[in-house]
PDB file of all heavy atoms in Angstrom:
ATOM      1  N   LEU A   1     242.110 135.248  27.784  1.00  0.00           N
ATOM      2  CA  LEU A   1     242.554 136.258  26.928  1.00  0.00           C
ATOM      3  C   LEU A   1     243.065 137.460  27.619  1.00  0.00           C
ATOM      4  O   LEU A   1     244.173 137.952  27.310  1.00  0.00           O
ATOM      5  CB  LEU A   1     241.401 136.742  25.976  1.00  0.00           C
ATOM      6  CG  LEU A   1     240.762 135.855  24.995  1.00  0.00           C
ATOM      7  CD1 LEU A   1     239.591 136.269  24.278  1.00  0.00           C
ATOM      8  CD2 LEU A   1     241.804 135.458  23.978  1.00  0.00           C
ATOM      9  N   ALA A   2     242.519 137.760  28.762  1.00  0.00           N
ATOM     10  CA  ALA A   2     243.050 138.922  29.807  1.00  0.00           C
ATOM     11  C   ALA A   2     244.448 138.608  30.222  1.00  0.00           C
ATOM     12  O   ALA A   2     245.228 139.460  30.340  1.00  0.00           O
ATOM     13  CB  ALA A   2     242.027 139.099  30.715  1.00  0.00           C
ATOM     14  N   LEU A   3     244.603 137.311  30.404  1.00  0.00           N
ATOM     15  CA  LEU A   3     245.995 136.884  31.031  1.00  0.00           C
ATOM     16  C   LEU A   3     247.056 137.228  30.045  1.00  0.00           C
ATOM     17  O   LEU A   3     248.004 137.859  30.439  1.00  0.00           O
ATOM     18  CB  LEU A   3     245.894 135.337  31.273  1.00  0.00           C
ATOM     19  CG  LEU A   3     247.355 134.786  31.654  1.00  0.00           C
ATOM     20  CD1 LEU A   3     247.867 135.355  32.929  1.00  0.00           C
ATOM     21  CD2 LEU A   3     247.254 133.213  31.666  1.00  0.00           C
ATOM     22  N   PHE A   4     246.871 136.798  28.723  1.00  0.00           N
ATOM     23  CA  PHE A   4     247.941 137.015  27.740  1.00  0.00           C
ATOM     24  C   PHE A   4     247.957 138.522  27.205  1.00  0.00           C
ATOM     25  O   PHE A   4     249.015 139.001  26.796  1.00  0.00           O
ATOM     26  CB  PHE A   4     247.853 136.227  26.532  1.00  0.00           C
ATOM     27  CG  PHE A   4     248.047 134.716  26.915  1.00  0.00           C
ATOM     28  CD1 PHE A   4     247.030 133.848  27.191  1.00  0.00           C
ATOM     29  CD2 PHE A   4     249.347 134.296  26.955  1.00  0.00           C
ATOM     30  CE1 PHE A   4     247.356 132.503  27.570  1.00  0.00           C
ATOM     31  CE2 PHE A   4     249.663 132.965  27.347  1.00  0.00           C
ATOM     32  CZ  PHE A   4     248.676 132.106  27.582  1.00  0.00           C
ATOM     33  N   VAL A   5     246.938 139.299  27.358  1.00  0.00           N
ATOM     34  CA  VAL A   5     246.836 140.667  27.103  1.00  0.00           C
ATOM     35  C   VAL A   5     247.710 141.275  28.165  1.00  0.00           C
ATOM     36  O   VAL A   5     248.556 142.209  27.900  1.00  0.00           O
ATOM     37  CB  VAL A   5     245.371 141.307  27.015  1.00  0.00           C
ATOM     38  CG1 VAL A   5     245.482 142.707  27.036  1.00  0.00           C
ATOM     39  CG2 VAL A   5     244.728 140.685  25.805  1.00  0.00           C
ATOM     40  N   GLY A   6     247.618 140.960  29.395  1.00  0.00           N
ATOM     41  CA  GLY A   6     248.377 141.612  30.456  1.00  0.00           C
ATOM     42  C   GLY A   6     249.896 141.133  30.316  1.00  0.00           C
ATOM     43  O   GLY A   6     250.817 141.970  30.451  1.00  0.00           O
ATOM     44  N   LEU A   7     250.080 139.857  29.975  1.00  0.00           N
ATOM     45  CA  LEU A   7     251.477 139.479  29.821  1.00  0.00           C
ATOM     46  C   LEU A   7     252.190 140.202  28.696  1.00  0.00           C
ATOM     47  O   LEU A   7     253.356 140.434  28.687  1.00  0.00           O
ATOM     48  CB  LEU A   7     251.550 138.022  29.624  1.00  0.00           C
ATOM     49  CG  LEU A   7     251.127 137.113  30.913  1.00  0.00           C
ATOM     50  CD1 LEU A   7     251.217 135.627  30.604  1.00  0.00           C
ATOM     51  CD2 LEU A   7     252.087 137.459  32.092  1.00  0.00           C
ATOM     52  N   ALA A   8     251.429 140.480  27.581  1.00  0.00           N
ATOM     53  CA  ALA A   8     252.013 141.119  26.453  1.00  0.00           C
ATOM     54  C   ALA A   8     252.110 142.641  26.573  1.00  0.00           C
ATOM     55  O   ALA A   8     252.504 143.275  25.672  1.00  0.00           O
ATOM     56  CB  ALA A   8     251.171 140.679  25.201  1.00  0.00           C
ATOM     57  N   HIS A   9     251.507 143.181  27.618  1.00  0.00           N
ATOM     58  CA  HIS A   9     251.566 144.690  28.007  1.00  0.00           C
ATOM     59  C   HIS A   9     250.850 145.393  26.807  1.00  0.00           C
ATOM     60  O   HIS A   9     251.217 146.428  26.333  1.00  0.00           O
ATOM     61  CB  HIS A   9     252.877 145.068  28.203  1.00  0.00           C
ATOM     62  CG  HIS A   9     253.703 144.454  29.361  1.00  0.00           C
ATOM     63  ND1 HIS A   9     253.326 144.571  30.658  1.00  0.00           N
ATOM     64  CD2 HIS A   9     254.622 143.556  29.372  1.00  0.00           C
ATOM     65  CE1 HIS A   9     254.085 143.824  31.322  1.00  0.00           C
ATOM     66  NE2 HIS A   9     255.007 143.212  30.576  1.00  0.00           N
ATOM     67  N   LEU A  10     249.677 144.855  26.285  1.00  0.00           N
ATOM     68  CA  LEU A  10     248.954 145.507  25.259  1.00  0.00           C
ATOM     69  C   LEU A  10     247.874 146.391  25.888  1.00  0.00           C
ATOM     70  O   LEU A  10     247.432 146.264  27.026  1.00  0.00           O
ATOM     71  CB  LEU A  10     248.196 144.489  24.471  1.00  0.00           C
ATOM     72  CG  LEU A  10     249.083 143.441  23.680  1.00  0.00           C
ATOM     73  CD1 LEU A  10     248.285 142.491  22.984  1.00  0.00           C
ATOM     74  CD2 LEU A  10     250.093 144.134  22.697  1.00  0.00           C
ATOM     75  N   GLU A  11     247.482 147.461  25.111  1.00  0.00           N
ATOM     76  CA  GLU A  11     246.437 148.348  25.590  1.00  0.00           C
ATOM     77  C   GLU A  11     245.113 147.549  25.448  1.00  0.00           C
ATOM     78  O   GLU A  11     244.927 146.651  24.656  1.00  0.00           O
ATOM     79  CB  GLU A  11     246.477 149.562  24.715  1.00  0.00           C
ATOM     80  CG  GLU A  11     247.614 150.405  24.765  1.00  0.00           C
ATOM     81  CD  GLU A  11     247.421 151.731  23.871  1.00  0.00           C
ATOM     82  OE1 GLU A  11     246.420 151.837  23.217  1.00  0.00           O
ATOM     83  OE2 GLU A  11     248.520 152.501  24.030  1.00  0.00           O
ATOM     84  N   LYS A  12     244.169 148.017  26.417  1.00  0.00           N
ATOM     85  CA  LYS A  12     242.889 147.277  26.356  1.00  0.00           C
ATOM     86  C   LYS A  12     242.283 147.480  25.026  1.00  0.00           C
ATOM     87  O   LYS A  12     241.928 148.535  24.557  1.00  0.00           O
ATOM     88  CB  LYS A  12     241.997 147.878  27.412  1.00  0.00           C
ATOM     89  CG  LYS A  12     240.643 147.114  27.552  1.00  0.00           C
ATOM     90  CD  LYS A  12     239.925 147.633  28.731  1.00  0.00           C
ATOM     91  CE  LYS A  12     238.532 146.994  28.920  1.00  0.00           C
ATOM     92  NZ  LYS A  12     237.728 147.556  30.093  1.00  0.00           N
ATOM     93  N   PRO A  13     241.898 146.358  24.318  1.00  0.00           N
ATOM     94  CA  PRO A  13     241.288 146.428  22.976  1.00  0.00           C
ATOM     95  C   PRO A  13     239.848 146.853  23.066  1.00  0.00           C
ATOM     96  O   PRO A  13     239.154 146.701  24.104  1.00  0.00           O
ATOM     97  CB  PRO A  13     241.458 145.047  22.404  1.00  0.00           C
ATOM     98  CG  PRO A  13     241.528 144.188  23.632  1.00  0.00           C
ATOM     99  CD  PRO A  13     242.092 144.921  24.723  1.00  0.00           C
ATOM    100  N   GLN A  14     239.290 147.265  21.998  1.00  0.00           N
ATOM    101  CA  GLN A  14     237.922 147.678  21.797  1.00  0.00           C
ATOM    102  C   GLN A  14     237.019 146.492  22.088  1.00  0.00           C
ATOM    103  O   GLN A  14     235.871 146.538  22.411  1.00  0.00           O
ATOM    104  CB  GLN A  14     237.681 148.404  20.477  1.00  0.00           C
ATOM    105  CG  GLN A  14     238.424 149.666  20.360  1.00  0.00           C
ATOM    106  CD  GLN A  14     238.016 150.747  21.424  1.00  0.00           C
ATOM    107  OE1 GLN A  14     236.727 150.757  21.860  1.00  0.00           O
ATOM    108  NE2 GLN A  14     238.954 151.638  21.809  1.00  0.00           N
ATOM    109  N   GLY A  15     237.450 145.261  21.457  1.00  0.00           N
ATOM    110  CA  GLY A  15     236.725 144.053  21.492  1.00  0.00           C
ATOM    111  C   GLY A  15     237.675 142.880  21.147  1.00  0.00           C
ATOM    112  O   GLY A  15     238.887 143.089  20.875  1.00  0.00           O
ATOM    113  N   PRO A  16     237.157 141.621  21.403  1.00  0.00           N
ATOM    114  CA  PRO A  16     238.031 140.529  21.156  1.00  0.00           C
ATOM    115  C   PRO A  16     238.556 140.412  19.809  1.00  0.00           C
ATOM    116  O   PRO A  16     239.626 139.816  19.538  1.00  0.00           O
ATOM    117  CB  PRO A  16     237.032 139.314  21.556  1.00  0.00           C
ATOM    118  CG  PRO A  16     235.941 139.868  22.292  1.00  0.00           C
ATOM    119  CD  PRO A  16     235.831 141.273  21.884  1.00  0.00           C
ATOM    120  N   ARG A  17     237.772 140.919  18.810  1.00  0.00           N
ATOM    121  CA  ARG A  17     238.347 140.743  17.430  1.00  0.00           C
ATOM    122  C   ARG A  17     239.459 141.586  17.183  1.00  0.00           C
ATOM    123  O   ARG A  17     240.129 141.398  16.097  1.00  0.00           O
ATOM    124  CB  ARG A  17     237.137 141.215  16.418  1.00  0.00           C
ATOM    125  CG  ARG A  17     236.003 140.211  16.535  1.00  0.00           C
ATOM    126  CD  ARG A  17     234.807 140.713  15.520  1.00  0.00           C
ATOM    127  NE  ARG A  17     233.702 139.829  15.654  1.00  0.00           N
ATOM    128  CZ  ARG A  17     233.413 138.717  15.059  1.00  0.00           C
ATOM    129  NH1 ARG A  17     234.374 138.321  14.145  1.00  0.00           N
ATOM    130  NH2 ARG A  17     232.319 138.099  15.264  1.00  0.00           N
ATOM    131  N   ASP A  18     239.790 142.617  17.996  1.00  0.00           N
ATOM    132  CA  ASP A  18     241.042 143.511  17.785  1.00  0.00           C
ATOM    133  C   ASP A  18     242.132 142.812  18.399  1.00  0.00           C
ATOM    134  O   ASP A  18     243.368 143.451  18.185  1.00  0.00           O
ATOM    135  CB  ASP A  18     240.692 144.845  18.470  1.00  0.00           C
ATOM    136  CG  ASP A  18     239.542 145.546  17.816  1.00  0.00           C
ATOM    137  OD1 ASP A  18     239.247 145.402  16.673  1.00  0.00           O
ATOM    138  OD2 ASP A  18     238.819 146.310  18.549  1.00  0.00           O
ATOM    139  N   LEU A  19     242.069 141.716  18.974  1.00  0.00           N
ATOM    140  CA  LEU A  19     243.295 141.098  19.572  1.00  0.00           C
ATOM    141  C   LEU A  19     244.161 140.373  18.527  1.00  0.00           C
ATOM    142  O   LEU A  19     243.659 139.779  17.598  1.00  0.00           O
ATOM    143  CB  LEU A  19     242.860 139.965  20.654  1.00  0.00           C
ATOM    144  CG  LEU A  19     242.056 140.498  21.954  1.00  0.00           C
ATOM    145  CD1 LEU A  19     241.553 139.329  22.627  1.00  0.00           C
ATOM    146  CD2 LEU A  19     243.110 141.237  22.688  1.00  0.00           C
ATOM    147  N   PRO A  20     245.442 140.462  18.595  1.00  0.00           N
ATOM    148  CA  PRO A  20     246.304 139.809  17.741  1.00  0.00           C
ATOM    149  C   PRO A  20     246.330 138.292  17.924  1.00  0.00           C
ATOM    150  O   PRO A  20     245.970 137.771  18.995  1.00  0.00           O
ATOM    151  CB  PRO A  20     247.678 140.394  17.889  1.00  0.00           C
ATOM    152  CG  PRO A  20     247.617 140.821  19.519  1.00  0.00           C
ATOM    153  CD  PRO A  20     246.225 141.238  19.680  1.00  0.00           C
ATOM    154  N   LEU A  21     246.811 137.528  16.816  1.00  0.00           N
ATOM    155  CA  LEU A  21     246.745 136.062  17.035  1.00  0.00           C
ATOM    156  C   LEU A  21     247.761 135.620  18.117  1.00  0.00           C
ATOM    157  O   LEU A  21     247.648 134.573  18.582  1.00  0.00           O
ATOM    158  CB  LEU A  21     247.187 135.479  15.700  1.00  0.00           C
ATOM    159  CG  LEU A  21     246.033 135.412  14.524  1.00  0.00           C
ATOM    160  CD1 LEU A  21     246.672 134.852  13.189  1.00  0.00           C
ATOM    161  CD2 LEU A  21     244.907 134.604  15.128  1.00  0.00           C
ATOM    162  N   ARG A  22     248.807 136.328  18.389  1.00  0.00           N
ATOM    163  CA  ARG A  22     249.813 135.780  19.332  1.00  0.00           C
ATOM    164  C   ARG A  22     249.198 135.943  20.763  1.00  0.00           C
ATOM    165  O   ARG A  22     249.713 135.350  21.723  1.00  0.00           O
ATOM    166  CB  ARG A  22     251.028 136.951  19.288  1.00  0.00           C
ATOM    167  CG  ARG A  22     250.819 138.245  19.692  1.00  0.00           C
ATOM    168  CD  ARG A  22     252.015 139.105  19.402  1.00  0.00           C
ATOM    169  NE  ARG A  22     251.814 140.495  19.598  1.00  0.00           N
ATOM    170  CZ  ARG A  22     252.240 141.097  20.687  1.00  0.00           C
ATOM    171  NH1 ARG A  22     252.906 140.370  21.712  1.00  0.00           N
ATOM    172  NH2 ARG A  22     252.068 142.350  20.930  1.00  0.00           N
ATOM    173  N   VAL A  23     248.028 136.527  20.989  1.00  0.00           N
ATOM    174  CA  VAL A  23     247.322 136.570  22.162  1.00  0.00           C
ATOM    175  C   VAL A  23     246.177 135.530  22.131  1.00  0.00           C
ATOM    176  O   VAL A  23     245.943 134.811  23.073  1.00  0.00           O
ATOM    177  CB  VAL A  23     246.744 137.948  22.511  1.00  0.00           C
ATOM    178  CG1 VAL A  23     245.724 137.933  23.654  1.00  0.00           C
ATOM    179  CG2 VAL A  23     247.900 138.969  22.833  1.00  0.00           C
ATOM    180  N   VAL A  24     245.492 135.422  21.018  1.00  0.00           N
ATOM    181  CA  VAL A  24     244.409 134.577  20.864  1.00  0.00           C
ATOM    182  C   VAL A  24     244.753 133.104  20.885  1.00  0.00           C
ATOM    183  O   VAL A  24     244.103 132.239  21.591  1.00  0.00           O
ATOM    184  CB  VAL A  24     243.588 134.888  19.637  1.00  0.00           C
ATOM    185  CG1 VAL A  24     242.422 133.857  19.464  1.00  0.00           C
ATOM    186  CG2 VAL A  24     243.073 136.270  19.559  1.00  0.00           C
ATOM    187  N   ILE A  25     245.792 132.691  20.209  1.00  0.00           N
ATOM    188  CA  ILE A  25     246.232 131.301  20.095  1.00  0.00           C
ATOM    189  C   ILE A  25     246.587 130.657  21.484  1.00  0.00           C
ATOM    190  O   ILE A  25     245.973 129.728  21.851  1.00  0.00           O
ATOM    191  CB  ILE A  25     247.412 131.173  19.152  1.00  0.00           C
ATOM    192  CG1 ILE A  25     246.940 131.506  17.756  1.00  0.00           C
ATOM    193  CG2 ILE A  25     247.883 129.752  19.153  1.00  0.00           C
ATOM    194  CD1 ILE A  25     247.968 131.434  16.668  1.00  0.00           C
ATOM    195  N   PRO A  26     247.463 131.411  22.348  1.00  0.00           N
ATOM    196  CA  PRO A  26     247.800 130.684  23.558  1.00  0.00           C
ATOM    197  C   PRO A  26     246.534 130.790  24.519  1.00  0.00           C
ATOM    198  O   PRO A  26     246.339 129.716  25.430  1.00  0.00           O
ATOM    199  CB  PRO A  26     248.825 131.561  24.194  1.00  0.00           C
ATOM    200  CG  PRO A  26     248.871 132.807  23.449  1.00  0.00           C
ATOM    201  CD  PRO A  26     248.339 132.485  22.141  1.00  0.00           C
ATOM    202  N   GLY A  27     245.730 131.727  24.430  1.00  0.00           N
ATOM    203  CA  GLY A  27     244.502 131.691  25.292  1.00  0.00           C
ATOM    204  C   GLY A  27     243.535 130.613  24.900  1.00  0.00           C
ATOM    205  O   GLY A  27     242.864 130.018  25.695  1.00  0.00           O
ATOM    206  N   PHE A  28     243.474 130.354  23.495  1.00  0.00           N
ATOM    207  CA  PHE A  28     242.657 129.287  23.058  1.00  0.00           C
ATOM    208  C   PHE A  28     243.118 127.900  23.515  1.00  0.00           C
ATOM    209  O   PHE A  28     242.479 127.044  23.900  1.00  0.00           O
ATOM    210  CB  PHE A  28     242.508 129.392  21.573  1.00  0.00           C
ATOM    211  CG  PHE A  28     241.886 128.114  20.930  1.00  0.00           C
ATOM    212  CD1 PHE A  28     240.615 127.957  20.974  1.00  0.00           C
ATOM    213  CD2 PHE A  28     242.757 127.229  20.173  1.00  0.00           C
ATOM    214  CE1 PHE A  28     239.943 126.792  20.362  1.00  0.00           C
ATOM    215  CE2 PHE A  28     242.111 126.116  19.696  1.00  0.00           C
ATOM    216  CZ  PHE A  28     240.784 125.912  19.634  1.00  0.00           C
ATOM    217  N   ILE A  29     244.443 127.769  23.435  1.00  0.00           N
ATOM    218  CA  ILE A  29     245.060 126.525  23.839  1.00  0.00           C
ATOM    219  C   ILE A  29     244.669 126.185  25.352  1.00  0.00           C
ATOM    220  O   ILE A  29     244.363 125.054  25.768  1.00  0.00           O
ATOM    221  CB  ILE A  29     246.584 126.547  23.701  1.00  0.00           C
ATOM    222  CG1 ILE A  29     246.826 126.634  22.106  1.00  0.00           C
ATOM    223  CG2 ILE A  29     247.223 125.239  24.146  1.00  0.00           C
ATOM    224  CD1 ILE A  29     248.272 126.763  21.791  1.00  0.00           C
ATOM    225  N   ILE A  30     244.988 127.184  26.219  1.00  0.00           N
ATOM    226  CA  ILE A  30     244.818 126.731  27.711  1.00  0.00           C
ATOM    227  C   ILE A  30     243.249 126.591  27.975  1.00  0.00           C
ATOM    228  O   ILE A  30     242.910 125.877  28.942  1.00  0.00           O
ATOM    229  CB  ILE A  30     245.400 127.856  28.591  1.00  0.00           C
ATOM    230  CG1 ILE A  30     244.825 129.194  28.445  1.00  0.00           C
ATOM    231  CG2 ILE A  30     246.886 127.972  28.382  1.00  0.00           C
ATOM    232  CD1 ILE A  30     245.320 130.232  29.395  1.00  0.00           C
ATOM    233  N   SER A  31     242.487 127.353  27.227  1.00  0.00           N
ATOM    234  CA  SER A  31     241.016 127.138  27.452  1.00  0.00           C
ATOM    235  C   SER A  31     240.651 125.742  26.963  1.00  0.00           C
ATOM    236  O   SER A  31     239.861 124.952  27.645  1.00  0.00           O
ATOM    237  CB  SER A  31     240.188 128.076  26.616  1.00  0.00           C
ATOM    238  OG  SER A  31     240.288 129.359  27.105  1.00  0.00           O
ATOM    239  N   GLU A  32     241.179 125.289  25.898  1.00  0.00           N
ATOM    240  CA  GLU A  32     240.930 123.848  25.396  1.00  0.00           C
ATOM    241  C   GLU A  32     241.464 122.750  26.467  1.00  0.00           C
ATOM    242  O   GLU A  32     240.856 121.748  26.611  1.00  0.00           O
ATOM    243  CB  GLU A  32     241.464 123.724  24.010  1.00  0.00           C
ATOM    244  CG  GLU A  32     240.850 124.411  22.947  1.00  0.00           C
ATOM    245  CD  GLU A  32     239.476 123.913  22.675  1.00  0.00           C
ATOM    246  OE1 GLU A  32     239.178 122.902  22.034  1.00  0.00           O
ATOM    247  OE2 GLU A  32     238.537 124.540  23.240  1.00  0.00           O
ATOM    248  N   LEU A  33     242.619 123.019  26.862  1.00  0.00           N
ATOM    249  CA  LEU A  33     243.205 122.127  27.960  1.00  0.00           C
ATOM    250  C   LEU A  33     242.391 122.097  29.183  1.00  0.00           C
ATOM    251  O   LEU A  33     242.159 120.998  29.699  1.00  0.00           O
ATOM    252  CB  LEU A  33     244.646 122.557  28.331  1.00  0.00           C
ATOM    253  CG  LEU A  33     245.764 122.418  27.212  1.00  0.00           C
ATOM    254  CD1 LEU A  33     247.019 123.005  27.764  1.00  0.00           C
ATOM    255  CD2 LEU A  33     245.886 120.949  26.901  1.00  0.00           C
ATOM    256  N   ARG A  34     241.828 123.208  29.631  1.00  0.00           N
ATOM    257  CA  ARG A  34     240.978 123.232  30.798  1.00  0.00           C
ATOM    258  C   ARG A  34     239.767 122.409  30.578  1.00  0.00           C
ATOM    259  O   ARG A  34     239.244 121.570  31.277  1.00  0.00           O
ATOM    260  CB  ARG A  34     240.686 124.668  31.108  1.00  0.00           C
ATOM    261  CG  ARG A  34     239.647 124.880  32.288  1.00  0.00           C
ATOM    262  CD  ARG A  34     239.221 126.312  32.466  1.00  0.00           C
ATOM    263  NE  ARG A  34     238.572 126.744  31.351  1.00  0.00           N
ATOM    264  CZ  ARG A  34     237.193 126.741  31.168  1.00  0.00           C
ATOM    265  NH1 ARG A  34     236.439 126.097  32.099  1.00  0.00           N
ATOM    266  NH2 ARG A  34     236.658 127.153  30.069  1.00  0.00           N
TER     267      ARG A  34
END
């Protein structure tokens, strides 16, 4: 999640639930592949 937050240049969220789907989905995909 931190990888795509940094690539999207987003401010540090208060928690994981505040992340947008455009960050959560690719993070979930690479986690599943790993």
